[in-house]
Amino acid sequence: MSDLKPKQLTFWVKIFTESPQYLYYFGPFVSVQEAQIHQGGYVEDLQGEGAHIQMLEIVASLQPVGEDWPTFSMNQAYTA
């Protein structure tokens, strides 16, 4: 998570939970591989808190991620 430069493409772990209904973004990461390495820990923490994960994907963005900011999905489906 170091070596980030302004306007650099960054990657985020995007997790939507059904119960409670919430959308989480974890990152930024400098590569898809770095995001994938860390995603298991986020899943484990959320499930440990009783959350039911409905969707997980890696998304890319040129700026911080938020509702109105464009992201590009890496199309990674979550499987329990």
C-alpha atoms as a PDB file:
ATOM      1  CA  MET A   1       0.000   0.000   0.000  1.00  0.00           C
ATOM      2  CA  SER A   2       3.002   2.232  -0.373  1.00  0.00           C
ATOM      3  CA  ASP A   3       4.448   3.750  -3.527  1.00  0.00           C
ATOM      4  CA  LEU A   4       1.094   5.261  -4.595  1.00  0.00           C
ATOM      5  CA  LYS A   5       1.354   8.274  -6.888  1.00  0.00           C
ATOM      6  CA  PRO A   6      -1.311  10.907  -7.679  1.00  0.00           C
ATOM      7  CA  LYS A   7      -3.669   9.793 -10.456  1.00  0.00           C
ATOM      8  CA  GLN A   8      -2.289   6.250 -10.308  1.00  0.00           C
ATOM      9  CA  LEU A   9      -4.659   3.368 -10.967  1.00  0.00           C
ATOM     10  CA  THR A  10      -5.379   1.752  -7.594  1.00  0.00           C
ATOM     11  CA  PHE A  11      -7.209  -1.442  -6.691  1.00  0.00           C
ATOM     12  CA  TRP A  12      -9.795  -1.963  -3.986  1.00  0.00           C
ATOM     13  CA  VAL A  13     -11.495  -4.969  -2.411  1.00  0.00           C
ATOM     14  CA  LYS A  14     -15.237  -4.281  -2.676  1.00  0.00           C
ATOM     15  CA  ILE A  15     -17.448  -6.398  -0.395  1.00  0.00           C
ATOM     16  CA  PHE A  16     -21.237  -6.190  -0.146  1.00  0.00           C
ATOM     17  CA  THR A  17     -22.807  -7.855   2.879  1.00  0.00           C
ATOM     18  CA  GLU A  18     -26.436  -8.906   3.009  1.00  0.00           C
ATOM     19  CA  SER A  19     -26.740  -9.012   6.777  1.00  0.00           C
ATOM     20  CA  PRO A  20     -26.092  -6.298   7.751  1.00  0.00           C
ATOM     21  CA  GLN A  21     -26.681  -4.663   4.376  1.00  0.00           C
ATOM     22  CA  TYR A  22     -23.495  -2.666   3.829  1.00  0.00           C
ATOM     23  CA  LEU A  23     -20.920  -1.932   1.145  1.00  0.00           C
ATOM     24  CA  TYR A  24     -17.242  -1.989   2.161  1.00  0.00           C
ATOM     25  CA  TYR A  25     -14.181  -0.829   0.241  1.00  0.00           C
ATOM     26  CA  PHE A  26     -10.721  -1.891   1.455  1.00  0.00           C
ATOM     27  CA  GLY A  27      -7.578  -0.434  -0.062  1.00  0.00           C
ATOM     28  CA  PRO A  28      -5.972   1.152  -1.927  1.00  0.00           C
ATOM     29  CA  PHE A  29      -3.619  -1.478  -3.306  1.00  0.00           C
ATOM     30  CA  VAL A  30      -1.048  -1.055  -6.074  1.00  0.00           C
ATOM     31  CA  SER A  31      -1.993  -4.298  -7.872  1.00  0.00           C
ATOM     32  CA  VAL A  32      -4.765  -6.847  -8.239  1.00  0.00           C
ATOM     33  CA  GLN A  33      -2.445  -9.441  -6.711  1.00  0.00           C
ATOM     34  CA  GLU A  34      -1.894  -7.317  -3.589  1.00  0.00           C
ATOM     35  CA  ALA A  35      -5.657  -6.847  -3.178  1.00  0.00           C
ATOM     36  CA  GLN A  36      -6.195 -10.609  -3.575  1.00  0.00           C
ATOM     37  CA  ILE A  37      -3.575 -11.345  -0.917  1.00  0.00           C
ATOM     38  CA  HIS A  38      -5.426  -9.167   1.610  1.00  0.00           C
ATOM     39  CA  GLN A  39      -9.043  -9.971   0.734  1.00  0.00           C
ATOM     40  CA  GLY A  40      -9.161 -13.179   2.803  1.00  0.00           C
ATOM     41  CA  GLY A  41      -8.425 -11.266   5.988  1.00  0.00           C
ATOM     42  CA  TYR A  42     -11.282  -8.830   5.320  1.00  0.00           C
ATOM     43  CA  VAL A  43     -13.682 -11.689   4.602  1.00  0.00           C
ATOM     44  CA  GLU A  44     -12.593 -13.502   7.761  1.00  0.00           C
ATOM     45  CA  ASP A  45     -13.047 -10.372   9.900  1.00  0.00           C
ATOM     46  CA  LEU A  46     -16.508  -9.605   8.494  1.00  0.00           C
ATOM     47  CA  GLN A  47     -17.685 -13.197   8.864  1.00  0.00           C
ATOM     48  CA  GLY A  48     -16.279 -13.238  12.397  1.00  0.00           C
ATOM     49  CA  GLU A  49     -18.552 -10.286  13.145  1.00  0.00           C
ATOM     50  CA  GLY A  50     -21.531 -12.267  11.804  1.00  0.00           C
ATOM     51  CA  ALA A  51     -21.813 -10.582   8.393  1.00  0.00           C
ATOM     52  CA  HIS A  52     -23.128 -12.609   5.444  1.00  0.00           C
ATOM     53  CA  ILE A  53     -21.135 -11.759   2.322  1.00  0.00           C
ATOM     54  CA  GLN A  54     -23.186 -11.545  -0.845  1.00  0.00           C
ATOM     55  CA  MET A  55     -20.586 -10.172  -3.280  1.00  0.00           C
ATOM     56  CA  LEU A  56     -16.831  -9.619  -3.411  1.00  0.00           C
ATOM     57  CA  GLU A  57     -14.880  -8.140  -6.278  1.00  0.00           C
ATOM     58  CA  ILE A  58     -11.650  -6.329  -6.977  1.00  0.00           C
ATOM     59  CA  VAL A  59     -12.247  -2.914  -8.558  1.00  0.00           C
ATOM     60  CA  ALA A  60      -9.834  -0.412 -10.073  1.00  0.00           C
ATOM     61  CA  SER A  61     -10.059   3.369  -9.868  1.00  0.00           C
ATOM     62  CA  LEU A  62      -7.953   6.415 -10.719  1.00  0.00           C
ATOM     63  CA  GLN A  63      -9.162   8.194  -7.577  1.00  0.00           C
ATOM     64  CA  PRO A  64     -10.506   7.298  -4.138  1.00  0.00           C
ATOM     65  CA  VAL A  65     -13.506   5.003  -4.340  1.00  0.00           C
ATOM     66  CA  GLY A  66     -16.998   6.201  -3.466  1.00  0.00           C
ATOM     67  CA  GLU A  67     -20.582   5.984  -4.660  1.00  0.00           C
ATOM     68  CA  ASP A  68     -20.176   8.562  -7.426  1.00  0.00           C
ATOM     69  CA  TRP A  69     -16.686   7.589  -8.574  1.00  0.00           C
ATOM     70  CA  PRO A  70     -16.161   5.261 -11.526  1.00  0.00           C
ATOM     71  CA  THR A  71     -14.631   1.881 -10.831  1.00  0.00           C
ATOM     72  CA  PHE A  72     -13.754  -1.008 -13.100  1.00  0.00           C
ATOM     73  CA  SER A  73     -14.557  -4.516 -11.936  1.00  0.00           C
ATOM     74  CA  MET A  74     -12.031  -7.302 -12.125  1.00  0.00           C
ATOM     75  CA  ASN A  75     -15.063  -9.696 -12.175  1.00  0.00           C
ATOM     76  CA  GLN A  76     -14.124 -11.891  -9.273  1.00  0.00           C
ATOM     77  CA  ALA A  77     -17.207 -13.511  -7.756  1.00  0.00           C
ATOM     78  CA  TYR A  78     -17.283 -14.443  -4.086  1.00  0.00           C
ATOM     79  CA  THR A  79     -17.842 -18.069  -3.214  1.00  0.00           C
ATOM     80  CA  ALA A  80     -18.245 -19.158   0.385  1.00  0.00           C
END
